[in-house]
Amino acid sequence: MAIRDTGSFEHPLQRFFTATRPQPTFQWERHQQRDVLVINHPRCHAVFSRQGAQLLHFQPVGQRPWLWCASQWPQVGAIRGGVPVCWPWVGRHPGEGGWPVNGWGRLLDWKLIDSQEHDEGVSLHWRLSLWDWQADLHAELGQCMDLRLETRHDDSEPCQFGHALHAYWRISDIADVALEGLDGAQGYDELSRSACEQKGELRVSGSCQRVFEHTGPVELHDDTWRRRLNINTHDSANTVVWHPGSRPLLGVAGHEATGFVRVEAVSGVDDCLSLAPGQQARLSLQATLVG
C-alpha cells in the first residue's frame, strides 16, 4: 500500500535518503562507528552493516520501512535491529559458556563478494570464513525482500551447528498487530517453559518468546497501517516469535520497543544440528507485501 506521509514514522536510517542530488546505487558511509553500505535504487532503499552483513533498513519505494532498527547502537557488540545473522549457533553455545550468545556471525566483519543492480532491484553476496566454516549470505532486494544463508562445513569431524535470521519487523504498535498462519502449530513457550499450541491468530500481549514447529508463510497484519506482510521462513525447522513486552532492552528507549515484533527463521535453536564434513546447510527468509 502506498503512503502519503512518512514524517512521523521516520526510520533512524532514512537520513541517508534525503539528499536531493542523484546518489550512487551503492555507497559506503560511516555511521555510529560502523561501516554501512547505503543502497539507493529506484525500486528500494536499504542499508547493510559490514559487521554481521546485517540488513538494517529495507524500504520499497512508496512504502513504509519493513524493518525496525534501534536509534542508538552500542560502541562495540551486536546492533539491535534489522536482520541479525545468528551463526554458527543460536542462543548460548552448548559447550563454551564464555562464547557470545547467538554466535560470532553478527559480531565480525563480512566481506562483500558481489553487488549488482538490475531493473527490479539489487543483488548482494556477503561471505564470512571462520576456521573450517564458510557462510554466504545472498540478498535480493526490490519490491520484495529475499535473504538466503548458506553454510559449508569443511572440518574433518562432525560438528554441532545452528543458524537463524532474527528479523525485527517494523510495525505501528505491538498492540495493533496479529500473526496468521500459525494456527495448530505445536511449539514451546520459553517464558513459561512449557509446550504450547497456537489456536487462531497470534496477538502479542506482554512478553512473548515462542518457538513453533512451523515452516512456510506467516502473515503479519498491521491494523493501524493497513499493511499485510507475507513472511516465509521456507525450510527452517522453526518459526520463532519474540517480543520483550515491558522488559527493558539495553540501549533501546522504552517507546521504541512497541514498534517491532520479531518473526524469525531458525534451525538448531534447542537441539543443535549436526553437520558432517563437507555438508552444507541453508536457511532463507522472504517477505512480500500482500494485496
C-alpha atoms as a PDB file:
ATOM      1  CA  MET A   1       0.000   0.000   0.000  1.00  0.00           C
ATOM      2  CA  ALA A   2       1.411   3.425  -0.948  1.00  0.00           C
ATOM      3  CA  ILE A   3       1.867   6.024   1.785  1.00  0.00           C
ATOM      4  CA  ARG A   4       1.401   9.788   1.718  1.00  0.00           C
ATOM      5  CA  ASP A   5       3.042  10.928   4.962  1.00  0.00           C
ATOM      6  CA  THR A   6       6.081   9.248   6.464  1.00  0.00           C
ATOM      7  CA  GLY A   7       7.332  12.136   8.568  1.00  0.00           C
ATOM      8  CA  SER A   8       6.064  10.827  11.902  1.00  0.00           C
ATOM      9  CA  PHE A   9       7.263   7.302  11.146  1.00  0.00           C
ATOM     10  CA  GLU A  10      10.831   8.097  10.151  1.00  0.00           C
ATOM     11  CA  HIS A  11      13.291   5.246  10.414  1.00  0.00           C
ATOM     12  CA  PRO A  12      16.620   6.208  12.042  1.00  0.00           C
ATOM     13  CA  LEU A  13      18.484   5.271   8.843  1.00  0.00           C
ATOM     14  CA  GLN A  14      16.244   7.139   6.425  1.00  0.00           C
ATOM     15  CA  ARG A  15      18.607  10.108   6.872  1.00  0.00           C
ATOM     16  CA  PHE A  16      20.747   8.610   4.110  1.00  0.00           C
ATOM     17  CA  PHE A  17      17.975   9.066   1.547  1.00  0.00           C
ATOM     18  CA  THR A  18      17.076  12.732   1.993  1.00  0.00           C
ATOM     19  CA  ALA A  19      19.608  14.191  -0.467  1.00  0.00           C
ATOM     20  CA  THR A  20      18.086  15.938  -3.471  1.00  0.00           C
ATOM     21  CA  ARG A  21      21.096  15.326  -5.718  1.00  0.00           C
ATOM     22  CA  PRO A  22      21.494  11.983  -7.517  1.00  0.00           C
ATOM     23  CA  GLN A  23      23.150   9.322  -5.398  1.00  0.00           C
ATOM     24  CA  PRO A  24      25.054   6.188  -6.461  1.00  0.00           C
ATOM     25  CA  THR A  25      23.263   2.877  -6.062  1.00  0.00           C
ATOM     26  CA  PHE A  26      25.926   1.558  -3.662  1.00  0.00           C
ATOM     27  CA  GLN A  27      27.848   3.852  -1.340  1.00  0.00           C
ATOM     28  CA  TRP A  28      29.837   3.162   1.827  1.00  0.00           C
ATOM     29  CA  GLU A  29      29.204   5.502   4.763  1.00  0.00           C
ATOM     30  CA  ARG A  30      30.316   5.685   8.391  1.00  0.00           C
ATOM     31  CA  HIS A  31      27.530   5.652  10.994  1.00  0.00           C
ATOM     32  CA  GLN A  32      27.835   5.221  14.762  1.00  0.00           C
ATOM     33  CA  GLN A  33      31.348   3.777  14.428  1.00  0.00           C
ATOM     34  CA  ARG A  34      30.248   1.165  11.877  1.00  0.00           C
ATOM     35  CA  ASP A  35      30.796   0.858   8.136  1.00  0.00           C
ATOM     36  CA  VAL A  36      27.405   0.760   6.423  1.00  0.00           C
ATOM     37  CA  LEU A  37      26.543   0.166   2.781  1.00  0.00           C
ATOM     38  CA  VAL A  38      23.772   2.518   1.643  1.00  0.00           C
ATOM     39  CA  ILE A  39      21.685   1.238  -1.273  1.00  0.00           C
ATOM     40  CA  ASN A  40      19.660   3.736  -3.262  1.00  0.00           C
ATOM     41  CA  HIS A  41      17.735   2.135  -6.124  1.00  0.00           C
ATOM     42  CA  PRO A  42      14.557   3.251  -7.934  1.00  0.00           C
ATOM     43  CA  ARG A  43      12.823   0.183  -6.504  1.00  0.00           C
ATOM     44  CA  CYS A  44      14.056   0.277  -2.899  1.00  0.00           C
ATOM     45  CA  HIS A  45      16.247   1.814  -0.222  1.00  0.00           C
ATOM     46  CA  ALA A  46      18.358  -0.356   2.077  1.00  0.00           C
ATOM     47  CA  VAL A  47      21.281  -0.217   4.490  1.00  0.00           C
ATOM     48  CA  PHE A  48      23.648  -3.059   5.390  1.00  0.00           C
ATOM     49  CA  SER A  49      26.260  -3.085   8.122  1.00  0.00           C
ATOM     50  CA  ARG A  50      29.610  -4.634   7.255  1.00  0.00           C
ATOM     51  CA  GLN A  51      29.572  -6.011  10.792  1.00  0.00           C
ATOM     52  CA  GLY A  52      27.430  -9.107  10.626  1.00  0.00           C
ATOM     53  CA  ALA A  53      26.334  -8.497   6.998  1.00  0.00           C
ATOM     54  CA  GLN A  54      23.265  -7.211   8.795  1.00  0.00           C
ATOM     55  CA  LEU A  55      20.425  -5.744   6.764  1.00  0.00           C
ATOM     56  CA  LEU A  56      19.414  -2.817   8.988  1.00  0.00           C
ATOM     57  CA  HIS A  57      16.929  -0.986   6.799  1.00  0.00           C
ATOM     58  CA  PHE A  58      14.735  -2.033   3.882  1.00  0.00           C
ATOM     59  CA  GLN A  59      12.059   0.087   2.272  1.00  0.00           C
ATOM     60  CA  PRO A  60      10.453  -0.497  -1.112  1.00  0.00           C
ATOM     61  CA  VAL A  61       9.863   2.868  -2.734  1.00  0.00           C
ATOM     62  CA  GLY A  62       6.402   4.235  -1.881  1.00  0.00           C
ATOM     63  CA  GLN A  63       6.044   2.133   1.278  1.00  0.00           C
ATOM     64  CA  ARG A  64       6.874   2.419   4.941  1.00  0.00           C
ATOM     65  CA  PRO A  65      10.089   0.730   6.112  1.00  0.00           C
ATOM     66  CA  TRP A  66       9.706  -3.004   6.673  1.00  0.00           C
ATOM     67  CA  LEU A  67      12.470  -3.432   9.264  1.00  0.00           C
ATOM     68  CA  TRP A  68      12.954  -1.855  12.691  1.00  0.00           C
ATOM     69  CA  CYS A  69      16.340  -0.712  13.990  1.00  0.00           C
ATOM     70  CA  ALA A  70      17.336   0.852  17.304  1.00  0.00           C
ATOM     71  CA  SER A  71      18.265   4.522  17.000  1.00  0.00           C
ATOM     72  CA  GLN A  72      21.347   4.156  19.208  1.00  0.00           C
ATOM     73  CA  TRP A  73      23.966   1.416  18.751  1.00  0.00           C
ATOM     74  CA  PRO A  74      26.485   0.210  21.324  1.00  0.00           C
ATOM     75  CA  GLN A  75      30.098   1.269  20.814  1.00  0.00           C
ATOM     76  CA  VAL A  76      31.017  -2.405  20.486  1.00  0.00           C
ATOM     77  CA  GLY A  77      28.946  -5.543  20.139  1.00  0.00           C
ATOM     78  CA  ALA A  78      25.820  -6.516  18.267  1.00  0.00           C
ATOM     79  CA  ILE A  79      23.489  -3.978  16.670  1.00  0.00           C
ATOM     80  CA  ARG A  80      19.875  -4.480  17.670  1.00  0.00           C
ATOM     81  CA  GLY A  81      17.507  -4.430  14.732  1.00  0.00           C
ATOM     82  CA  GLY A  82      17.179  -5.318  11.074  1.00  0.00           C
ATOM     83  CA  VAL A  83      18.021  -8.950  10.368  1.00  0.00           C
ATOM     84  CA  PRO A  84      20.894 -10.184  12.562  1.00  0.00           C
ATOM     85  CA  VAL A  85      22.614 -13.323  11.257  1.00  0.00           C
ATOM     86  CA  CYS A  86      22.944 -15.726  14.192  1.00  0.00           C
ATOM     87  CA  TRP A  87      25.708 -18.170  13.260  1.00  0.00           C
ATOM     88  CA  PRO A  88      27.123 -20.832  13.777  1.00  0.00           C
ATOM     89  CA  TRP A  89      24.952 -21.381  16.845  1.00  0.00           C
ATOM     90  CA  VAL A  90      21.696 -19.952  18.205  1.00  0.00           C
ATOM     91  CA  GLY A  91      21.331 -18.841  21.808  1.00  0.00           C
ATOM     92  CA  ARG A  92      24.057 -19.919  24.193  1.00  0.00           C
ATOM     93  CA  HIS A  93      26.829 -22.140  22.908  1.00  0.00           C
ATOM     94  CA  PRO A  94      26.192 -25.736  24.052  1.00  0.00           C
ATOM     95  CA  GLY A  95      29.732 -26.222  25.332  1.00  0.00           C
ATOM     96  CA  GLU A  96      31.500 -22.871  25.762  1.00  0.00           C
ATOM     97  CA  GLY A  97      29.781 -20.667  28.326  1.00  0.00           C
ATOM     98  CA  GLY A  98      32.024 -17.667  27.652  1.00  0.00           C
ATOM     99  CA  TRP A  99      31.360 -17.511  23.925  1.00  0.00           C
ATOM    100  CA  PRO A 100      28.887 -14.887  22.631  1.00  0.00           C
ATOM    101  CA  VAL A 101      25.161 -15.563  22.569  1.00  0.00           C
ATOM    102  CA  ASN A 102      23.971 -16.267  19.006  1.00  0.00           C
ATOM    103  CA  GLY A 103      27.452 -16.877  17.656  1.00  0.00           C
ATOM    104  CA  TRP A 104      30.263 -14.922  16.041  1.00  0.00           C
ATOM    105  CA  GLY A 105      28.457 -14.111  12.803  1.00  0.00           C
ATOM    106  CA  ARG A 106      26.740 -10.929  13.973  1.00  0.00           C
ATOM    107  CA  LEU A 107      29.911  -9.564  15.610  1.00  0.00           C
ATOM    108  CA  LEU A 108      32.507  -9.979  12.834  1.00  0.00           C
ATOM    109  CA  ASP A 109      33.001  -8.030   9.618  1.00  0.00           C
ATOM    110  CA  TRP A 110      31.886  -9.896   6.488  1.00  0.00           C
ATOM    111  CA  LYS A 111      33.346  -9.451   3.023  1.00  0.00           C
ATOM    112  CA  LEU A 112      31.144  -8.099   0.253  1.00  0.00           C
ATOM    113  CA  ILE A 113      31.851 -10.512  -2.595  1.00  0.00           C
ATOM    114  CA  ASP A 114      29.499  -9.025  -5.175  1.00  0.00           C
ATOM    115  CA  SER A 115      26.866  -6.297  -5.587  1.00  0.00           C
ATOM    116  CA  GLN A 116      24.800  -5.783  -8.709  1.00  0.00           C
ATOM    117  CA  GLU A 117      21.869  -3.644  -9.750  1.00  0.00           C
ATOM    118  CA  HIS A 118      19.186  -4.518 -12.267  1.00  0.00           C
ATOM    119  CA  ASP A 119      15.773  -3.234 -13.292  1.00  0.00           C
ATOM    120  CA  GLU A 120      13.923  -4.947 -10.443  1.00  0.00           C
ATOM    121  CA  GLY A 121      16.344  -4.147  -7.629  1.00  0.00           C
ATOM    122  CA  VAL A 122      19.746  -5.211  -6.317  1.00  0.00           C
ATOM    123  CA  SER A 123      21.601  -8.448  -5.584  1.00  0.00           C
ATOM    124  CA  LEU A 124      24.326  -8.792  -2.947  1.00  0.00           C
ATOM    125  CA  HIS A 125      26.619 -11.583  -1.815  1.00  0.00           C
ATOM    126  CA  TRP A 126      28.370 -11.444   1.573  1.00  0.00           C
ATOM    127  CA  ARG A 127      30.847 -14.017   2.929  1.00  0.00           C
ATOM    128  CA  LEU A 128      32.404 -14.892   6.276  1.00  0.00           C
ATOM    129  CA  SER A 129      35.155 -17.506   6.594  1.00  0.00           C
ATOM    130  CA  LEU A 130      35.925 -18.709  10.111  1.00  0.00           C
ATOM    131  CA  TRP A 131      38.143 -21.678  10.915  1.00  0.00           C
ATOM    132  CA  ASP A 132      36.726 -24.573   8.846  1.00  0.00           C
ATOM    133  CA  TRP A 133      33.403 -22.816   8.236  1.00  0.00           C
ATOM    134  CA  GLN A 134      32.190 -20.646   5.398  1.00  0.00           C
ATOM    135  CA  ALA A 135      28.949 -18.674   5.493  1.00  0.00           C
ATOM    136  CA  ASP A 136      27.454 -16.928   2.450  1.00  0.00           C
ATOM    137  CA  LEU A 137      24.547 -14.517   2.685  1.00  0.00           C
ATOM    138  CA  HIS A 138      22.713 -13.740  -0.561  1.00  0.00           C
ATOM    139  CA  ALA A 139      20.225 -10.874  -0.695  1.00  0.00           C
ATOM    140  CA  GLU A 140      17.713  -9.957  -3.393  1.00  0.00           C
ATOM    141  CA  LEU A 141      16.035  -6.616  -2.675  1.00  0.00           C
ATOM    142  CA  GLY A 142      13.469  -4.719  -4.700  1.00  0.00           C
ATOM    143  CA  GLN A 143       9.734  -4.646  -4.136  1.00  0.00           C
ATOM    144  CA  CYS A 144      10.312  -7.834  -2.099  1.00  0.00           C
ATOM    145  CA  MET A 145      12.982  -8.972   0.355  1.00  0.00           C
ATOM    146  CA  ASP A 146      14.741 -12.312  -0.073  1.00  0.00           C
ATOM    147  CA  LEU A 147      17.636 -13.453   2.145  1.00  0.00           C
ATOM    148  CA  ARG A 148      19.418 -16.799   1.836  1.00  0.00           C
ATOM    149  CA  LEU A 149      22.090 -18.004   4.265  1.00  0.00           C
ATOM    150  CA  GLU A 150      24.295 -20.916   3.156  1.00  0.00           C
ATOM    151  CA  THR A 151      26.912 -22.639   5.317  1.00  0.00           C
ATOM    152  CA  ARG A 152      29.637 -25.088   4.391  1.00  0.00           C
ATOM    153  CA  HIS A 153      31.490 -27.111   6.996  1.00  0.00           C
ATOM    154  CA  ASP A 154      34.900 -28.494   5.964  1.00  0.00           C
ATOM    155  CA  ASP A 155      36.177 -29.863   9.262  1.00  0.00           C
ATOM    156  CA  SER A 156      37.294 -33.482   9.418  1.00  0.00           C
ATOM    157  CA  GLU A 157      34.773 -34.297  12.169  1.00  0.00           C
ATOM    158  CA  PRO A 158      31.018 -33.790  12.547  1.00  0.00           C
ATOM    159  CA  CYS A 159      30.198 -30.520  14.272  1.00  0.00           C
ATOM    160  CA  GLN A 160      27.195 -29.051  16.122  1.00  0.00           C
ATOM    161  CA  PHE A 161      25.569 -26.157  14.345  1.00  0.00           C
ATOM    162  CA  GLY A 162      22.672 -23.722  14.441  1.00  0.00           C
ATOM    163  CA  HIS A 163      21.660 -20.635  12.480  1.00  0.00           C
ATOM    164  CA  ALA A 164      18.921 -18.034  12.437  1.00  0.00           C
ATOM    165  CA  LEU A 165      17.737 -14.868  10.708  1.00  0.00           C
ATOM    166  CA  HIS A 166      16.344 -12.821  13.613  1.00  0.00           C
ATOM    167  CA  ALA A 167      14.205 -10.325  11.706  1.00  0.00           C
ATOM    168  CA  TYR A 168      12.844  -7.271  13.561  1.00  0.00           C
ATOM    169  CA  TRP A 169       9.708  -6.274  11.632  1.00  0.00           C
ATOM    170  CA  ARG A 170       8.668  -2.644  11.910  1.00  0.00           C
ATOM    171  CA  ILE A 171       5.061  -2.120  12.985  1.00  0.00           C
ATOM    172  CA  SER A 172       2.778   0.705  14.115  1.00  0.00           C
ATOM    173  CA  ASP A 173       2.363  -0.705  17.631  1.00  0.00           C
ATOM    174  CA  ILE A 174       2.643  -4.182  19.116  1.00  0.00           C
ATOM    175  CA  ALA A 175      -0.945  -3.884  20.406  1.00  0.00           C
ATOM    176  CA  ASP A 176      -2.295  -3.480  16.862  1.00  0.00           C
ATOM    177  CA  VAL A 177      -0.760  -6.421  15.017  1.00  0.00           C
ATOM    178  CA  ALA A 178      -1.639 -10.077  14.573  1.00  0.00           C
ATOM    179  CA  LEU A 179       0.114 -13.075  13.039  1.00  0.00           C
ATOM    180  CA  GLU A 180      -1.874 -15.515  10.908  1.00  0.00           C
ATOM    181  CA  GLY A 181      -0.660 -18.885   9.640  1.00  0.00           C
ATOM    182  CA  LEU A 182       0.396 -20.484  12.936  1.00  0.00           C
ATOM    183  CA  ASP A 183      -2.998 -21.974  13.805  1.00  0.00           C
ATOM    184  CA  GLY A 184      -2.470 -25.518  15.078  1.00  0.00           C
ATOM    185  CA  ALA A 185       1.312 -25.184  15.263  1.00  0.00           C
ATOM    186  CA  GLN A 186       2.966 -27.007  18.149  1.00  0.00           C
ATOM    187  CA  GLY A 187       5.713 -25.226  19.993  1.00  0.00           C
ATOM    188  CA  TYR A 188       7.478 -24.356  23.198  1.00  0.00           C
ATOM    189  CA  ASP A 189       6.970 -21.266  25.322  1.00  0.00           C
ATOM    190  CA  GLU A 190      10.415 -20.243  26.559  1.00  0.00           C
ATOM    191  CA  LEU A 191       8.960 -17.942  29.223  1.00  0.00           C
ATOM    192  CA  SER A 192       6.609 -20.437  30.884  1.00  0.00           C
ATOM    193  CA  ARG A 193       8.956 -23.331  29.993  1.00  0.00           C
ATOM    194  CA  SER A 194       6.070 -25.428  28.721  1.00  0.00           C
ATOM    195  CA  ALA A 195       4.726 -26.859  25.492  1.00  0.00           C
ATOM    196  CA  CYS A 196       2.177 -24.743  23.656  1.00  0.00           C
ATOM    197  CA  GLU A 197      -0.189 -24.970  20.704  1.00  0.00           C
ATOM    198  CA  GLN A 198      -1.298 -21.922  18.792  1.00  0.00           C
ATOM    199  CA  LYS A 199      -5.028 -21.539  18.300  1.00  0.00           C
ATOM    200  CA  GLY A 200      -6.122 -18.997  15.718  1.00  0.00           C
ATOM    201  CA  GLU A 201      -4.197 -15.799  15.133  1.00  0.00           C
ATOM    202  CA  LEU A 202      -1.391 -14.805  17.462  1.00  0.00           C
ATOM    203  CA  ARG A 203      -1.616 -11.409  19.141  1.00  0.00           C
ATOM    204  CA  VAL A 204       1.255 -10.497  21.435  1.00  0.00           C
ATOM    205  CA  SER A 205       0.197  -9.359  24.888  1.00  0.00           C
ATOM    206  CA  GLY A 206       3.148  -8.730  27.166  1.00  0.00           C
ATOM    207  CA  SER A 207       6.373 -10.687  26.744  1.00  0.00           C
ATOM    208  CA  CYS A 208       6.448 -13.424  24.121  1.00  0.00           C
ATOM    209  CA  GLN A 209       9.114 -15.988  23.249  1.00  0.00           C
ATOM    210  CA  ARG A 210       7.611 -18.966  21.459  1.00  0.00           C
ATOM    211  CA  VAL A 211       9.404 -21.486  19.268  1.00  0.00           C
ATOM    212  CA  PHE A 212       6.980 -23.102  16.813  1.00  0.00           C
ATOM    213  CA  GLU A 213       7.499 -26.248  14.765  1.00  0.00           C
ATOM    214  CA  HIS A 214       6.476 -24.442  11.631  1.00  0.00           C
ATOM    215  CA  THR A 215       7.787 -23.921   8.117  1.00  0.00           C
ATOM    216  CA  GLY A 216       6.380 -21.741   5.399  1.00  0.00           C
ATOM    217  CA  PRO A 217       4.464 -18.468   5.394  1.00  0.00           C
ATOM    218  CA  VAL A 218       3.079 -16.328   8.212  1.00  0.00           C
ATOM    219  CA  GLU A 219       1.106 -13.135   7.580  1.00  0.00           C
ATOM    220  CA  LEU A 220       1.827 -10.104   9.712  1.00  0.00           C
ATOM    221  CA  HIS A 221      -1.285  -7.926   9.846  1.00  0.00           C
ATOM    222  CA  ASP A 222      -0.900  -4.321  10.973  1.00  0.00           C
ATOM    223  CA  ASP A 223      -4.357  -2.864  11.507  1.00  0.00           C
ATOM    224  CA  THR A 224      -3.238   0.722  12.008  1.00  0.00           C
ATOM    225  CA  TRP A 225      -1.024   0.876   8.932  1.00  0.00           C
ATOM    226  CA  ARG A 226      -3.437  -1.322   6.938  1.00  0.00           C
ATOM    227  CA  ARG A 227      -0.488  -3.410   5.863  1.00  0.00           C
ATOM    228  CA  ARG A 228      -0.059  -7.158   5.482  1.00  0.00           C
ATOM    229  CA  LEU A 229       3.340  -8.735   5.022  1.00  0.00           C
ATOM    230  CA  ASN A 230       3.766 -12.341   3.978  1.00  0.00           C
ATOM    231  CA  ILE A 231       6.834 -13.647   5.860  1.00  0.00           C
ATOM    232  CA  ASN A 232       8.079 -17.007   4.633  1.00  0.00           C
ATOM    233  CA  THR A 233      10.661 -18.995   6.603  1.00  0.00           C
ATOM    234  CA  HIS A 234      10.646 -21.711   3.938  1.00  0.00           C
ATOM    235  CA  ASP A 235      12.544 -24.830   5.078  1.00  0.00           C
ATOM    236  CA  SER A 236      13.672 -23.680   8.540  1.00  0.00           C
ATOM    237  CA  ALA A 237      12.916 -26.105  11.347  1.00  0.00           C
ATOM    238  CA  ASN A 238      11.270 -23.430  13.474  1.00  0.00           C
ATOM    239  CA  THR A 239       9.492 -20.102  13.307  1.00  0.00           C
ATOM    240  CA  VAL A 240      10.130 -18.024  16.431  1.00  0.00           C
ATOM    241  CA  VAL A 241       8.005 -15.099  17.640  1.00  0.00           C
ATOM    242  CA  TRP A 242       9.620 -12.778  20.181  1.00  0.00           C
ATOM    243  CA  HIS A 243       8.829  -9.506  21.901  1.00  0.00           C
ATOM    244  CA  PRO A 244      10.162  -8.221  25.240  1.00  0.00           C
ATOM    245  CA  GLY A 245       6.881  -6.746  26.449  1.00  0.00           C
ATOM    246  CA  SER A 246       7.559  -4.220  29.190  1.00  0.00           C
ATOM    247  CA  ARG A 247      11.002  -5.629  29.986  1.00  0.00           C
ATOM    248  CA  PRO A 248      13.737  -3.046  29.306  1.00  0.00           C
ATOM    249  CA  LEU A 249      16.186  -3.691  26.477  1.00  0.00           C
ATOM    250  CA  LEU A 250      19.729  -2.402  26.792  1.00  0.00           C
ATOM    251  CA  GLY A 251      20.222   0.600  24.523  1.00  0.00           C
ATOM    252  CA  VAL A 252      16.564   0.749  23.440  1.00  0.00           C
ATOM    253  CA  ALA A 253      14.269   3.544  24.591  1.00  0.00           C
ATOM    254  CA  GLY A 254      11.002   2.368  26.098  1.00  0.00           C
ATOM    255  CA  HIS A 255       8.825   3.815  23.350  1.00  0.00           C
ATOM    256  CA  GLU A 256      10.948   2.159  20.637  1.00  0.00           C
ATOM    257  CA  ALA A 257      10.164  -1.390  21.771  1.00  0.00           C
ATOM    258  CA  THR A 258       6.476  -1.111  20.877  1.00  0.00           C
ATOM    259  CA  GLY A 259       7.458  -0.568  17.249  1.00  0.00           C
ATOM    260  CA  PHE A 260       8.686  -4.068  16.369  1.00  0.00           C
ATOM    261  CA  VAL A 261       7.943  -7.754  16.562  1.00  0.00           C
ATOM    262  CA  ARG A 262      10.477 -10.437  15.750  1.00  0.00           C
ATOM    263  CA  VAL A 263       9.386 -13.260  13.432  1.00  0.00           C
ATOM    264  CA  GLU A 264      12.456 -15.406  12.816  1.00  0.00           C
ATOM    265  CA  ALA A 265      13.653 -18.269  10.660  1.00  0.00           C
ATOM    266  CA  VAL A 266      15.588 -20.639  12.928  1.00  0.00           C
ATOM    267  CA  SER A 267      17.148 -24.100  12.777  1.00  0.00           C
ATOM    268  CA  GLY A 268      19.054 -25.606  15.700  1.00  0.00           C
ATOM    269  CA  VAL A 269      17.612 -23.343  18.399  1.00  0.00           C
ATOM    270  CA  ASP A 270      17.403 -26.053  21.088  1.00  0.00           C
ATOM    271  CA  ASP A 271      18.681 -29.305  19.622  1.00  0.00           C
ATOM    272  CA  CYS A 272      21.743 -28.320  17.606  1.00  0.00           C
ATOM    273  CA  LEU A 273      22.064 -29.691  14.118  1.00  0.00           C
ATOM    274  CA  SER A 274      24.964 -31.989  13.327  1.00  0.00           C
ATOM    275  CA  LEU A 275      26.863 -31.241  10.134  1.00  0.00           C
ATOM    276  CA  ALA A 276      29.100 -33.921   8.659  1.00  0.00           C
ATOM    277  CA  PRO A 277      32.398 -32.969   6.961  1.00  0.00           C
ATOM    278  CA  GLY A 278      31.599 -31.239   3.675  1.00  0.00           C
ATOM    279  CA  GLN A 279      27.908 -30.978   4.474  1.00  0.00           C
ATOM    280  CA  GLN A 280      26.032 -27.763   3.690  1.00  0.00           C
ATOM    281  CA  ALA A 281      23.113 -26.098   5.447  1.00  0.00           C
ATOM    282  CA  ARG A 282      20.709 -23.492   4.147  1.00  0.00           C
ATOM    283  CA  LEU A 283      18.276 -21.043   5.709  1.00  0.00           C
ATOM    284  CA  SER A 284      16.094 -18.482   3.969  1.00  0.00           C
ATOM    285  CA  LEU A 285      13.699 -15.677   4.790  1.00  0.00           C
ATOM    286  CA  GLN A 286      11.444 -13.960   2.298  1.00  0.00           C
ATOM    287  CA  ALA A 287       8.896 -11.161   2.666  1.00  0.00           C
ATOM    288  CA  THR A 288       6.343  -9.773   0.224  1.00  0.00           C
ATOM    289  CA  LEU A 289       3.547  -7.250   0.525  1.00  0.00           C
ATOM    290  CA  VAL A 290       0.080  -8.808   0.361  1.00  0.00           C
ATOM    291  CA  GLY A 291      -2.524  -7.026  -1.753  1.00  0.00           C
END
